[in-house]
Amino acid sequence: MDEIDLEELAASLTLREENQAIKSYQNTVAVACPACDEQFDDLVVCKENPTSLNLSKQLDLCVGSADGKGVIFTHKK
């Protein structure tokens, strides 16, 4: 996986939620996941270490890091 340019990636996505622990974006323009090259559904940026996520759906996940933060790309099944 190449280095993730979080600023460039986020500019193409729609911000959905931001709180103290995370920032999440929806992929509304069919951007490819940097890890698997498939379209992803959401990007979650972990702002705190550690961060806990409560997932309400079964998802495939690709993970990486950018700017020292964990990033998660979700793929709905």
Protein backbone atom coordinates (compact mmCIF):
# COMPACT_ATOMS: atom_id res chain seq x y z
CA MET A 1 0.00 0.00 0.00
CA ASP A 2 1.30 3.45 -0.88
CA GLU A 3 1.34 6.19 1.72
CA ILE A 4 -2.20 7.48 2.27
CA ASP A 5 -2.62 11.21 1.63
CA LEU A 6 -5.43 11.79 4.11
CA GLU A 7 -5.98 15.43 3.20
CA GLU A 8 -6.35 14.65 -0.51
CA LEU A 9 -8.55 11.63 0.16
CA ALA A 10 -10.85 13.47 2.57
CA ALA A 11 -11.32 16.28 0.04
CA SER A 12 -13.10 13.79 -2.23
CA LEU A 13 -15.41 12.44 0.50
CA THR A 14 -18.44 13.70 2.43
CA LEU A 15 -17.92 14.39 6.15
CA ARG A 16 -20.57 12.53 8.17
CA GLU A 17 -19.47 12.67 11.81
CA GLU A 18 -16.76 14.20 13.93
CA ASN A 19 -16.27 13.86 17.65
CA GLN A 20 -13.36 13.68 20.07
CA ALA A 21 -12.44 10.09 19.11
CA ILE A 22 -13.19 9.76 15.38
CA LYS A 23 -13.90 11.55 12.12
CA SER A 24 -15.96 9.64 9.55
CA TYR A 25 -16.56 10.26 5.87
CA GLN A 26 -18.90 8.68 3.33
CA ASN A 27 -17.55 7.76 -0.09
CA THR A 28 -20.19 9.30 -2.37
CA VAL A 29 -18.00 9.47 -5.50
CA ALA A 30 -16.74 5.85 -5.80
CA VAL A 31 -13.15 6.43 -4.68
CA ALA A 32 -11.06 3.22 -4.67
CA CYS A 33 -9.67 1.87 -1.38
CA PRO A 34 -5.90 2.35 -1.20
CA ALA A 35 -5.50 -1.14 0.30
CA CYS A 36 -7.58 -3.34 -2.02
CA ASP A 37 -8.46 -1.05 -4.97
CA GLU A 38 -12.19 -1.76 -4.52
CA GLN A 39 -14.70 1.01 -3.90
CA PHE A 40 -15.14 1.56 -0.15
CA ASP A 41 -18.22 2.84 1.67
CA ASP A 42 -16.85 4.85 4.58
CA LEU A 43 -13.54 6.12 5.91
CA VAL A 44 -13.05 6.30 9.68
CA VAL A 45 -10.10 8.28 11.02
CA CYS A 46 -9.17 7.44 14.63
CA LYS A 47 -8.19 10.64 16.43
CA GLU A 48 -7.51 9.06 19.83
CA ASN A 49 -5.29 6.13 20.72
CA PRO A 50 -6.82 3.77 21.64
CA THR A 51 -10.24 4.23 20.07
CA SER A 52 -13.22 1.91 20.37
CA LEU A 53 -15.71 1.47 17.53
CA ASN A 54 -19.19 0.04 17.91
CA LEU A 55 -20.18 -1.45 14.57
CA SER A 56 -23.87 -2.03 13.93
CA LYS A 57 -23.29 -3.94 10.67
CA GLN A 58 -21.07 -6.75 9.50
CA LEU A 59 -18.35 -5.13 7.38
CA ASP A 60 -15.13 -6.02 5.64
CA LEU A 61 -12.39 -3.67 6.77
CA CYS A 62 -9.12 -2.46 5.28
CA VAL A 63 -6.82 -0.57 7.65
CA GLY A 64 -3.81 1.70 7.40
CA SER A 65 -2.31 4.82 8.89
CA ALA A 66 -1.95 8.39 7.74
CA ASP A 67 -0.33 11.30 9.53
CA GLY A 68 0.18 9.07 12.59
CA LYS A 69 -3.54 8.23 12.83
CA GLY A 70 -5.24 4.90 12.24
CA VAL A 71 -7.61 4.84 9.25
CA ILE A 72 -10.27 2.25 8.50
CA PHE A 73 -11.96 1.74 5.13
CA THR A 74 -15.31 -0.07 5.40
CA HIS A 75 -16.80 -2.33 2.76
CA LYS A 76 -20.44 -3.34 3.24
CA LYS A 77 -21.10 -7.00 2.58
